[in-house]
Amino acid sequence: MEPTKALLLIDLQNDYFPGGDYELARIEAAGGTAAEVLDRFRRDGRPVFHVRHEFPTVDAPFFRPGSTGAAIHKSVAPLPTEAVITKQHINAFAQTDLKAQLDAIGVKNLVVVGAMSHMCIEGATRAAADFGYGVEVIHDACATRDQEFNGRSVAAADVHAASMAALGFGYAKVLAFQDWK
């Protein structure tokens, strides 16, 4: 029997979408693709885990506790039967019961989608691989935003590409949705 495969939808929250407090580049396209991945998991009866970030204080720049911005976006809204993990760190496994929940149902492989590519997607993917899970990242179901380093602006597409290249080198199989089975 194939080991259980679960979906991790990471930080697809309102603040990252248009009108939110920290809008990402390509988030609507990535969210739409993530919704397609979610639909496939639901059709196949596979486990789904929604991960949402919430900062601990109301003076946070986004994902403030109890805010509309911190809510999971309607395009990938959880069903009552699907787990929702709330985190306060980049790594979805840090100080949460995510690993315990995955292990309790025999998950051996994860599919990861969400935001931001260079932060929480990388953090969760690297941690999952370190824990021994097989990981697939659907790169066109992930998004980020422009960054700045050492006075240089780095376009979101380049930030995303560098993150996916690093993950694909040693932590995960990085695939386009059309190539994912």
N, C-alpha and C. Protein backbone atom coordinates (compact mmCIF):
# COMPACT_ATOMS: atom_id res chain seq x y z
N MET A 1 0.84 -1.19 0.00
CA MET A 1 0.00 0.00 0.00
C MET A 1 0.88 1.25 0.00
N GLU A 2 0.47 2.25 -0.79
CA GLU A 2 1.22 3.51 -0.86
C GLU A 2 1.17 4.22 0.48
N PRO A 3 2.34 4.72 0.96
CA PRO A 3 2.31 5.49 2.21
C PRO A 3 1.37 6.69 2.07
N THR A 4 0.81 7.08 3.18
CA THR A 4 -0.12 8.20 3.16
C THR A 4 0.59 9.48 2.75
N LYS A 5 -0.04 10.20 1.85
CA LYS A 5 0.46 11.49 1.38
C LYS A 5 -0.53 12.56 1.84
N ALA A 6 -0.02 13.64 2.41
CA ALA A 6 -0.87 14.73 2.89
C ALA A 6 -0.48 16.03 2.19
N LEU A 7 -1.43 16.95 2.16
CA LEU A 7 -1.22 18.27 1.60
C LEU A 7 -1.03 19.27 2.73
N LEU A 8 0.00 20.12 2.60
CA LEU A 8 0.20 21.26 3.49
C LEU A 8 -0.05 22.52 2.69
N LEU A 9 -1.10 23.25 3.04
CA LEU A 9 -1.39 24.56 2.45
C LEU A 9 -0.89 25.58 3.46
N ILE A 10 0.16 26.29 3.10
CA ILE A 10 0.83 27.15 4.07
C ILE A 10 0.54 28.63 3.81
N ASP A 11 -0.02 29.27 4.79
CA ASP A 11 -0.19 30.73 4.85
C ASP A 11 -0.90 31.35 3.66
N LEU A 12 -1.87 30.67 3.11
CA LEU A 12 -2.69 31.27 2.06
C LEU A 12 -3.80 32.05 2.75
N GLN A 13 -3.40 33.22 3.25
CA GLN A 13 -4.24 34.05 4.10
C GLN A 13 -4.55 35.38 3.44
N ASN A 14 -5.61 35.99 3.88
CA ASN A 14 -6.13 37.21 3.25
C ASN A 14 -5.11 38.34 3.13
N ASP A 15 -4.24 38.52 4.10
CA ASP A 15 -3.29 39.63 4.03
C ASP A 15 -2.33 39.52 2.85
N TYR A 16 -2.15 38.35 2.29
CA TYR A 16 -1.27 38.17 1.14
C TYR A 16 -1.98 38.45 -0.19
N PHE A 17 -3.30 38.51 -0.18
CA PHE A 17 -4.09 38.70 -1.39
C PHE A 17 -4.39 40.18 -1.61
N PRO A 18 -4.82 40.56 -2.83
CA PRO A 18 -5.12 41.97 -3.11
C PRO A 18 -6.04 42.57 -2.03
N GLY A 19 -5.65 43.76 -1.58
CA GLY A 19 -6.39 44.44 -0.52
C GLY A 19 -5.87 44.11 0.86
N GLY A 20 -5.00 43.10 0.97
CA GLY A 20 -4.44 42.73 2.26
C GLY A 20 -3.27 43.63 2.63
N ASP A 21 -2.76 43.43 3.82
CA ASP A 21 -1.70 44.29 4.34
C ASP A 21 -0.30 43.94 3.85
N TYR A 22 -0.13 42.82 3.13
CA TYR A 22 1.20 42.41 2.69
C TYR A 22 1.07 41.61 1.39
N GLU A 23 0.52 42.24 0.38
CA GLU A 23 0.20 41.56 -0.88
C GLU A 23 1.45 40.97 -1.55
N LEU A 24 1.29 39.77 -2.08
CA LEU A 24 2.37 39.08 -2.78
C LEU A 24 2.18 39.15 -4.29
N ALA A 25 3.27 39.05 -5.01
CA ALA A 25 3.22 38.96 -6.46
C ALA A 25 2.66 37.58 -6.84
N ARG A 26 1.82 37.55 -7.86
CA ARG A 26 1.26 36.30 -8.40
C ARG A 26 0.42 35.50 -7.39
N ILE A 27 -0.01 36.10 -6.31
CA ILE A 27 -0.73 35.34 -5.29
C ILE A 27 -2.06 34.78 -5.79
N GLU A 28 -2.75 35.52 -6.63
CA GLU A 28 -4.03 35.00 -7.11
C GLU A 28 -3.83 33.77 -8.00
N ALA A 29 -2.82 33.80 -8.86
CA ALA A 29 -2.53 32.63 -9.70
C ALA A 29 -2.08 31.45 -8.83
N ALA A 30 -1.18 31.72 -7.89
CA ALA A 30 -0.71 30.65 -7.01
C ALA A 30 -1.85 30.09 -6.16
N GLY A 31 -2.71 30.98 -5.66
CA GLY A 31 -3.85 30.52 -4.88
C GLY A 31 -4.81 29.68 -5.70
N GLY A 32 -5.00 30.06 -6.96
CA GLY A 32 -5.86 29.27 -7.84
C GLY A 32 -5.30 27.88 -8.09
N THR A 33 -4.00 27.80 -8.29
CA THR A 33 -3.36 26.50 -8.50
C THR A 33 -3.40 25.68 -7.21
N ALA A 34 -3.17 26.33 -6.08
CA ALA A 34 -3.27 25.63 -4.79
C ALA A 34 -4.67 25.08 -4.59
N ALA A 35 -5.69 25.82 -5.02
CA ALA A 35 -7.08 25.35 -4.91
C ALA A 35 -7.29 24.10 -5.77
N GLU A 36 -6.63 24.03 -6.92
CA GLU A 36 -6.73 22.83 -7.76
C GLU A 36 -6.07 21.63 -7.08
N VAL A 37 -4.92 21.86 -6.46
CA VAL A 37 -4.24 20.78 -5.72
C VAL A 37 -5.15 20.33 -4.57
N LEU A 38 -5.73 21.28 -3.86
CA LEU A 38 -6.64 20.97 -2.76
C LEU A 38 -7.83 20.15 -3.25
N ASP A 39 -8.42 20.54 -4.37
CA ASP A 39 -9.55 19.79 -4.92
C ASP A 39 -9.16 18.35 -5.21
N ARG A 40 -7.98 18.14 -5.75
CA ARG A 40 -7.53 16.77 -6.05
C ARG A 40 -7.37 15.96 -4.76
N PHE A 41 -6.79 16.55 -3.74
CA PHE A 41 -6.64 15.83 -2.47
C PHE A 41 -8.01 15.49 -1.89
N ARG A 42 -8.93 16.42 -1.96
CA ARG A 42 -10.27 16.15 -1.44
C ARG A 42 -10.96 15.04 -2.23
N ARG A 43 -10.86 15.08 -3.55
CA ARG A 43 -11.47 14.03 -4.38
C ARG A 43 -10.89 12.66 -4.06
N ASP A 44 -9.58 12.62 -3.80
CA ASP A 44 -8.91 11.36 -3.52
C ASP A 44 -9.05 10.92 -2.06
N GLY A 45 -9.68 11.75 -1.25
CA GLY A 45 -9.85 11.41 0.16
C GLY A 45 -8.56 11.41 0.96
N ARG A 46 -7.59 12.20 0.52
CA ARG A 46 -6.30 12.27 1.22
C ARG A 46 -6.33 13.38 2.27
N PRO A 47 -5.48 13.28 3.28
CA PRO A 47 -5.47 14.28 4.35
C PRO A 47 -4.96 15.65 3.90
N VAL A 48 -5.58 16.67 4.46
CA VAL A 48 -5.26 18.06 4.16
C VAL A 48 -5.00 18.79 5.47
N PHE A 49 -3.91 19.56 5.49
CA PHE A 49 -3.55 20.36 6.66
C PHE A 49 -3.38 21.80 6.20
N HIS A 50 -4.19 22.67 6.76
CA HIS A 50 -4.09 24.11 6.50
C HIS A 50 -3.20 24.69 7.60
N VAL A 51 -2.18 25.42 7.20
CA VAL A 51 -1.29 26.07 8.15
C VAL A 51 -1.48 27.57 8.00
N ARG A 52 -1.72 28.22 9.12
CA ARG A 52 -1.90 29.68 9.08
C ARG A 52 -0.99 30.33 10.12
N HIS A 53 -0.42 31.46 9.70
CA HIS A 53 0.46 32.21 10.59
C HIS A 53 -0.35 33.28 11.31
N GLU A 54 -0.07 33.45 12.57
CA GLU A 54 -0.67 34.54 13.32
C GLU A 54 0.40 35.08 14.26
N PHE A 55 0.74 36.35 14.06
CA PHE A 55 1.72 36.96 14.96
C PHE A 55 1.13 37.09 16.35
N PRO A 56 1.95 37.12 17.39
CA PRO A 56 1.43 37.14 18.75
C PRO A 56 0.85 38.48 19.22
N THR A 57 1.16 39.57 18.50
CA THR A 57 0.69 40.88 18.98
C THR A 57 -0.06 41.63 17.89
N VAL A 58 -0.93 42.52 18.30
CA VAL A 58 -1.75 43.30 17.36
C VAL A 58 -0.95 44.38 16.64
N ASP A 59 0.27 44.67 17.07
CA ASP A 59 1.07 45.67 16.38
C ASP A 59 1.93 45.06 15.27
N ALA A 60 1.66 43.81 14.91
CA ALA A 60 2.36 43.15 13.81
C ALA A 60 2.01 43.83 12.49
N PRO A 61 2.89 43.73 11.49
CA PRO A 61 2.62 44.38 10.21
C PRO A 61 1.48 43.72 9.41
N PHE A 62 1.22 42.46 9.67
CA PHE A 62 0.16 41.71 9.01
C PHE A 62 -0.09 40.45 9.84
N PHE A 63 -1.11 39.67 9.47
CA PHE A 63 -1.50 38.45 10.22
C PHE A 63 -1.67 38.75 11.72
N ARG A 64 -2.33 39.87 12.00
CA ARG A 64 -2.58 40.24 13.40
C ARG A 64 -3.62 39.29 14.01
N PRO A 65 -3.47 38.96 15.28
CA PRO A 65 -4.40 38.04 15.94
C PRO A 65 -5.86 38.47 15.79
N GLY A 66 -6.68 37.53 15.37
CA GLY A 66 -8.11 37.76 15.25
C GLY A 66 -8.54 38.63 14.09
N SER A 67 -7.60 39.05 13.24
CA SER A 67 -7.94 39.95 12.14
C SER A 67 -8.46 39.17 10.94
N THR A 68 -9.18 39.87 10.07
CA THR A 68 -9.63 39.29 8.80
C THR A 68 -8.43 38.91 7.96
N GLY A 69 -7.39 39.71 8.02
CA GLY A 69 -6.18 39.42 7.25
C GLY A 69 -5.51 38.12 7.62
N ALA A 70 -5.65 37.70 8.86
CA ALA A 70 -5.03 36.45 9.31
C ALA A 70 -5.86 35.22 8.97
N ALA A 71 -7.07 35.43 8.48
CA ALA A 71 -7.94 34.29 8.12
C ALA A 71 -7.47 33.65 6.82
N ILE A 72 -7.71 32.36 6.70
CA ILE A 72 -7.38 31.63 5.47
C ILE A 72 -8.27 32.16 4.34
N HIS A 73 -7.66 32.35 3.19
CA HIS A 73 -8.37 32.90 2.02
C HIS A 73 -9.48 31.95 1.57
N LYS A 74 -10.57 32.54 1.10
CA LYS A 74 -11.75 31.77 0.71
C LYS A 74 -11.47 30.77 -0.41
N SER A 75 -10.47 31.01 -1.24
CA SER A 75 -10.17 30.10 -2.34
C SER A 75 -9.69 28.73 -1.88
N VAL A 76 -9.18 28.66 -0.65
CA VAL A 76 -8.70 27.39 -0.10
C VAL A 76 -9.23 27.18 1.32
N ALA A 77 -10.41 27.70 1.59
CA ALA A 77 -10.98 27.63 2.93
C ALA A 77 -11.09 26.17 3.39
N PRO A 78 -10.73 25.92 4.64
CA PRO A 78 -10.79 24.55 5.15
C PRO A 78 -12.22 24.07 5.36
N LEU A 79 -12.40 22.79 5.14
CA LEU A 79 -13.65 22.13 5.51
C LEU A 79 -13.59 21.83 7.01
N PRO A 80 -14.74 21.65 7.65
CA PRO A 80 -14.73 21.36 9.09
C PRO A 80 -13.92 20.12 9.47
N THR A 81 -13.76 19.19 8.54
CA THR A 81 -13.02 17.95 8.82
C THR A 81 -11.52 18.08 8.60
N GLU A 82 -11.05 19.23 8.10
CA GLU A 82 -9.64 19.40 7.79
C GLU A 82 -8.92 20.14 8.91
N ALA A 83 -7.73 19.66 9.22
CA ALA A 83 -6.93 20.24 10.30
C ALA A 83 -6.46 21.65 9.94
N VAL A 84 -6.46 22.52 10.93
CA VAL A 84 -5.90 23.86 10.81
C VAL A 84 -4.85 24.01 11.91
N ILE A 85 -3.63 24.25 11.49
CA ILE A 85 -2.51 24.44 12.40
C ILE A 85 -2.19 25.93 12.44
N THR A 86 -2.20 26.52 13.62
CA THR A 86 -1.81 27.92 13.76
C THR A 86 -0.39 27.97 14.28
N LYS A 87 0.43 28.76 13.61
CA LYS A 87 1.85 28.86 13.97
C LYS A 87 2.24 30.31 14.20
N GLN A 88 3.36 30.49 14.88
CA GLN A 88 3.90 31.83 15.10
C GLN A 88 5.36 31.91 14.67
N HIS A 89 5.80 30.90 13.92
CA HIS A 89 7.18 30.84 13.45
C HIS A 89 7.19 30.56 11.95
N ILE A 90 8.30 30.77 11.32
CA ILE A 90 8.44 30.51 9.89
C ILE A 90 8.23 29.03 9.59
N ASN A 91 8.84 28.18 10.36
CA ASN A 91 8.75 26.73 10.21
C ASN A 91 7.43 26.23 10.81
N ALA A 92 6.58 25.64 10.00
CA ALA A 92 5.27 25.17 10.46
C ALA A 92 5.35 24.07 11.51
N PHE A 93 6.51 23.44 11.64
CA PHE A 93 6.68 22.38 12.64
C PHE A 93 7.11 22.94 14.00
N ALA A 94 7.64 24.16 14.02
CA ALA A 94 8.18 24.74 15.25
C ALA A 94 7.06 25.10 16.22
N GLN A 95 7.09 24.49 17.37
CA GLN A 95 6.15 24.75 18.46
C GLN A 95 4.69 24.56 18.04
N THR A 96 4.45 23.60 17.14
CA THR A 96 3.08 23.18 16.80
C THR A 96 3.02 21.66 16.92
N ASP A 97 1.82 21.13 16.80
CA ASP A 97 1.67 19.67 16.83
C ASP A 97 1.54 19.08 15.43
N LEU A 98 2.02 19.80 14.42
CA LEU A 98 1.91 19.33 13.04
C LEU A 98 2.54 17.95 12.86
N LYS A 99 3.76 17.76 13.29
CA LYS A 99 4.43 16.46 13.12
C LYS A 99 3.66 15.36 13.83
N ALA A 100 3.19 15.61 15.03
CA ALA A 100 2.43 14.60 15.77
C ALA A 100 1.15 14.22 15.02
N GLN A 101 0.47 15.22 14.45
CA GLN A 101 -0.75 14.93 13.70
C GLN A 101 -0.45 14.13 12.43
N LEU A 102 0.62 14.50 11.73
CA LEU A 102 1.00 13.76 10.53
C LEU A 102 1.37 12.32 10.87
N ASP A 103 2.19 12.16 11.89
CA ASP A 103 2.64 10.82 12.28
C ASP A 103 1.49 9.95 12.79
N ALA A 104 0.52 10.56 13.44
CA ALA A 104 -0.61 9.82 13.99
C ALA A 104 -1.43 9.12 12.91
N ILE A 105 -1.41 9.68 11.69
CA ILE A 105 -2.18 9.05 10.60
C ILE A 105 -1.27 8.39 9.57
N GLY A 106 0.00 8.26 9.90
CA GLY A 106 0.92 7.51 9.05
C GLY A 106 1.41 8.23 7.81
N VAL A 107 1.43 9.55 7.83
CA VAL A 107 1.91 10.30 6.68
C VAL A 107 3.41 10.09 6.51
N LYS A 108 3.80 9.80 5.28
CA LYS A 108 5.21 9.63 4.94
C LYS A 108 5.66 10.64 3.89
N ASN A 109 4.70 11.21 3.15
CA ASN A 109 5.00 12.12 2.05
C ASN A 109 4.11 13.34 2.13
N LEU A 110 4.67 14.49 1.77
CA LEU A 110 3.94 15.76 1.82
C LEU A 110 3.99 16.47 0.49
N VAL A 111 2.90 17.13 0.16
CA VAL A 111 2.86 18.06 -0.96
C VAL A 111 2.68 19.43 -0.33
N VAL A 112 3.54 20.38 -0.72
CA VAL A 112 3.56 21.69 -0.09
C VAL A 112 3.21 22.77 -1.12
N VAL A 113 2.28 23.65 -0.74
CA VAL A 113 1.90 24.81 -1.54
C VAL A 113 1.71 25.99 -0.60
N GLY A 114 1.76 27.22 -1.14
CA GLY A 114 1.44 28.38 -0.30
C GLY A 114 2.42 29.52 -0.41
N ALA A 115 2.66 30.17 0.73
CA ALA A 115 3.44 31.40 0.73
C ALA A 115 4.19 31.54 2.07
N MET A 116 5.18 32.36 2.09
CA MET A 116 5.97 32.91 1.01
C MET A 116 7.05 31.90 0.64
N SER A 117 7.35 31.84 -0.64
CA SER A 117 8.31 30.86 -1.17
C SER A 117 9.62 30.85 -0.38
N HIS A 118 10.17 32.03 -0.14
CA HIS A 118 11.50 32.13 0.47
C HIS A 118 11.46 32.06 2.00
N MET A 119 10.31 31.99 2.57
CA MET A 119 10.20 31.97 4.03
C MET A 119 9.53 30.68 4.51
N CYS A 120 8.22 30.71 4.63
CA CYS A 120 7.50 29.60 5.26
C CYS A 120 7.47 28.35 4.40
N ILE A 121 7.48 28.50 3.08
CA ILE A 121 7.56 27.31 2.22
C ILE A 121 8.92 26.66 2.41
N GLU A 122 9.97 27.46 2.35
CA GLU A 122 11.31 26.90 2.59
C GLU A 122 11.44 26.32 3.98
N GLY A 123 10.97 27.04 4.99
CA GLY A 123 11.11 26.56 6.37
C GLY A 123 10.42 25.23 6.60
N ALA A 124 9.19 25.11 6.14
CA ALA A 124 8.44 23.86 6.34
C ALA A 124 9.02 22.72 5.50
N THR A 125 9.42 23.03 4.28
CA THR A 125 9.97 21.99 3.39
C THR A 125 11.27 21.44 3.93
N ARG A 126 12.14 22.32 4.35
CA ARG A 126 13.43 21.86 4.90
C ARG A 126 13.22 21.05 6.18
N ALA A 127 12.33 21.52 7.05
CA ALA A 127 12.06 20.78 8.28
C ALA A 127 11.46 19.42 7.98
N ALA A 128 10.51 19.38 7.05
CA ALA A 128 9.87 18.11 6.70
C ALA A 128 10.91 17.11 6.18
N ALA A 129 11.79 17.58 5.30
CA ALA A 129 12.83 16.69 4.78
C ALA A 129 13.75 16.23 5.91
N ASP A 130 14.10 17.14 6.82
CA ASP A 130 14.95 16.76 7.95
C ASP A 130 14.27 15.71 8.83
N PHE A 131 12.94 15.76 8.92
CA PHE A 131 12.19 14.76 9.69
C PHE A 131 12.02 13.45 8.93
N GLY A 132 12.44 13.40 7.67
CA GLY A 132 12.38 12.16 6.90
C GLY A 132 11.17 12.02 5.99
N TYR A 133 10.35 13.05 5.88
CA TYR A 133 9.22 12.99 4.96
C TYR A 133 9.72 13.17 3.53
N GLY A 134 9.10 12.49 2.59
CA GLY A 134 9.30 12.79 1.18
C GLY A 134 8.49 14.04 0.87
N VAL A 135 9.07 15.00 0.17
CA VAL A 135 8.38 16.27 -0.05
C VAL A 135 8.34 16.63 -1.53
N GLU A 136 7.16 17.06 -1.97
CA GLU A 136 6.98 17.64 -3.30
C GLU A 136 6.47 19.06 -3.09
N VAL A 137 7.07 20.01 -3.80
CA VAL A 137 6.61 21.39 -3.76
C VAL A 137 6.06 21.71 -5.15
N ILE A 138 4.83 22.19 -5.19
CA ILE A 138 4.23 22.60 -6.45
C ILE A 138 4.56 24.09 -6.62
N HIS A 139 5.57 24.37 -7.43
CA HIS A 139 6.13 25.73 -7.46
C HIS A 139 5.17 26.78 -7.98
N ASP A 140 4.27 26.42 -8.87
CA ASP A 140 3.34 27.44 -9.37
C ASP A 140 2.12 27.60 -8.47
N ALA A 141 2.13 26.91 -7.34
CA ALA A 141 1.12 27.10 -6.30
C ALA A 141 1.74 27.78 -5.08
N CYS A 142 2.86 28.47 -5.32
CA CYS A 142 3.57 29.21 -4.28
C CYS A 142 3.82 30.63 -4.78
N ALA A 143 3.94 31.57 -3.85
CA ALA A 143 4.17 32.96 -4.22
C ALA A 143 5.03 33.66 -3.17
N THR A 144 5.60 34.78 -3.59
CA THR A 144 6.38 35.63 -2.70
C THR A 144 6.27 37.08 -3.17
N ARG A 145 7.17 37.91 -2.76
CA ARG A 145 7.15 39.32 -3.15
C ARG A 145 8.58 39.81 -3.35
N ASP A 146 8.71 40.99 -3.92
CA ASP A 146 10.03 41.59 -4.10
C ASP A 146 10.72 41.69 -2.74
N GLN A 147 12.03 41.57 -2.78
CA GLN A 147 12.83 41.69 -1.57
C GLN A 147 13.97 42.67 -1.83
N GLU A 148 14.63 43.06 -0.78
CA GLU A 148 15.79 43.92 -0.92
C GLU A 148 16.95 43.30 -0.16
N PHE A 149 18.13 43.34 -0.77
CA PHE A 149 19.32 42.84 -0.10
C PHE A 149 20.49 43.75 -0.43
N ASN A 150 21.10 44.26 0.61
CA ASN A 150 22.31 45.06 0.47
C ASN A 150 22.12 46.22 -0.51
N GLY A 151 20.95 46.86 -0.41
CA GLY A 151 20.64 47.99 -1.27
C GLY A 151 20.19 47.63 -2.67
N ARG A 152 20.02 46.36 -2.92
CA ARG A 152 19.63 45.88 -4.25
C ARG A 152 18.23 45.31 -4.20
N SER A 153 17.39 45.69 -5.13
CA SER A 153 16.04 45.16 -5.23
C SER A 153 16.08 43.83 -5.98
N VAL A 154 15.40 42.83 -5.42
CA VAL A 154 15.35 41.50 -6.03
C VAL A 154 13.89 41.22 -6.37
N ALA A 155 13.60 41.03 -7.63
CA ALA A 155 12.22 40.80 -8.09
C ALA A 155 11.65 39.52 -7.50
N ALA A 156 10.36 39.53 -7.24
CA ALA A 156 9.68 38.36 -6.67
C ALA A 156 9.95 37.09 -7.47
N ALA A 157 9.94 37.20 -8.79
CA ALA A 157 10.18 36.02 -9.64
C ALA A 157 11.57 35.44 -9.38
N ASP A 158 12.56 36.31 -9.13
CA ASP A 158 13.91 35.84 -8.85
C ASP A 158 14.03 35.26 -7.44
N VAL A 159 13.35 35.87 -6.49
CA VAL A 159 13.32 35.34 -5.12
C VAL A 159 12.72 33.93 -5.15
N HIS A 160 11.59 33.82 -5.84
CA HIS A 160 10.89 32.53 -5.96
C HIS A 160 11.79 31.49 -6.63
N ALA A 161 12.40 31.85 -7.75
CA ALA A 161 13.25 30.92 -8.49
C ALA A 161 14.42 30.44 -7.65
N ALA A 162 15.06 31.36 -6.91
CA ALA A 162 16.19 30.97 -6.06
C ALA A 162 15.73 30.01 -4.96
N SER A 163 14.57 30.28 -4.39
CA SER A 163 14.04 29.39 -3.34
C SER A 163 13.73 28.01 -3.88
N MET A 164 13.07 27.97 -5.04
CA MET A 164 12.72 26.67 -5.62
C MET A 164 13.96 25.90 -6.04
N ALA A 165 14.97 26.62 -6.56
CA ALA A 165 16.23 25.97 -6.95
C ALA A 165 16.90 25.34 -5.73
N ALA A 166 16.93 26.08 -4.63
CA ALA A 166 17.56 25.56 -3.41
C ALA A 166 16.80 24.35 -2.88
N LEU A 167 15.48 24.44 -2.85
CA LEU A 167 14.69 23.31 -2.36
C LEU A 167 14.85 22.09 -3.26
N GLY A 168 14.85 22.32 -4.56
CA GLY A 168 14.98 21.22 -5.51
C GLY A 168 16.35 20.57 -5.48
N PHE A 169 17.35 21.31 -5.05
CA PHE A 169 18.71 20.77 -4.99
C PHE A 169 18.85 19.69 -3.92
N GLY A 170 18.17 19.86 -2.78
CA GLY A 170 18.44 18.90 -1.72
C GLY A 170 17.30 18.58 -0.78
N TYR A 171 16.13 19.20 -0.95
CA TYR A 171 15.08 19.00 0.04
C TYR A 171 13.78 18.44 -0.50
N ALA A 172 13.50 18.65 -1.77
CA ALA A 172 12.19 18.28 -2.29
C ALA A 172 12.25 18.07 -3.80
N LYS A 173 11.23 17.43 -4.29
CA LYS A 173 10.99 17.38 -5.72
C LYS A 173 10.13 18.60 -6.01
N VAL A 174 10.62 19.50 -6.85
CA VAL A 174 9.91 20.74 -7.16
C VAL A 174 9.30 20.59 -8.55
N LEU A 175 7.97 20.71 -8.60
CA LEU A 175 7.22 20.43 -9.83
C LEU A 175 6.25 21.54 -10.16
N ALA A 176 5.94 21.68 -11.45
CA ALA A 176 4.82 22.50 -11.88
C ALA A 176 3.56 21.66 -11.68
N PHE A 177 2.43 22.32 -11.45
CA PHE A 177 1.18 21.60 -11.25
C PHE A 177 0.89 20.64 -12.40
N GLN A 178 1.12 21.07 -13.64
CA GLN A 178 0.82 20.21 -14.78
C GLN A 178 1.66 18.93 -14.80
N ASP A 179 2.81 18.93 -14.14
CA ASP A 179 3.69 17.76 -14.11
C ASP A 179 3.48 16.90 -12.86
N TRP A 180 2.70 17.39 -11.94
CA TRP A 180 2.47 16.68 -10.67
C TRP A 180 1.40 15.62 -10.85
N LYS A 181 1.62 14.47 -10.30
CA LYS A 181 0.65 13.39 -10.39
C LYS A 181 0.14 13.03 -9.02
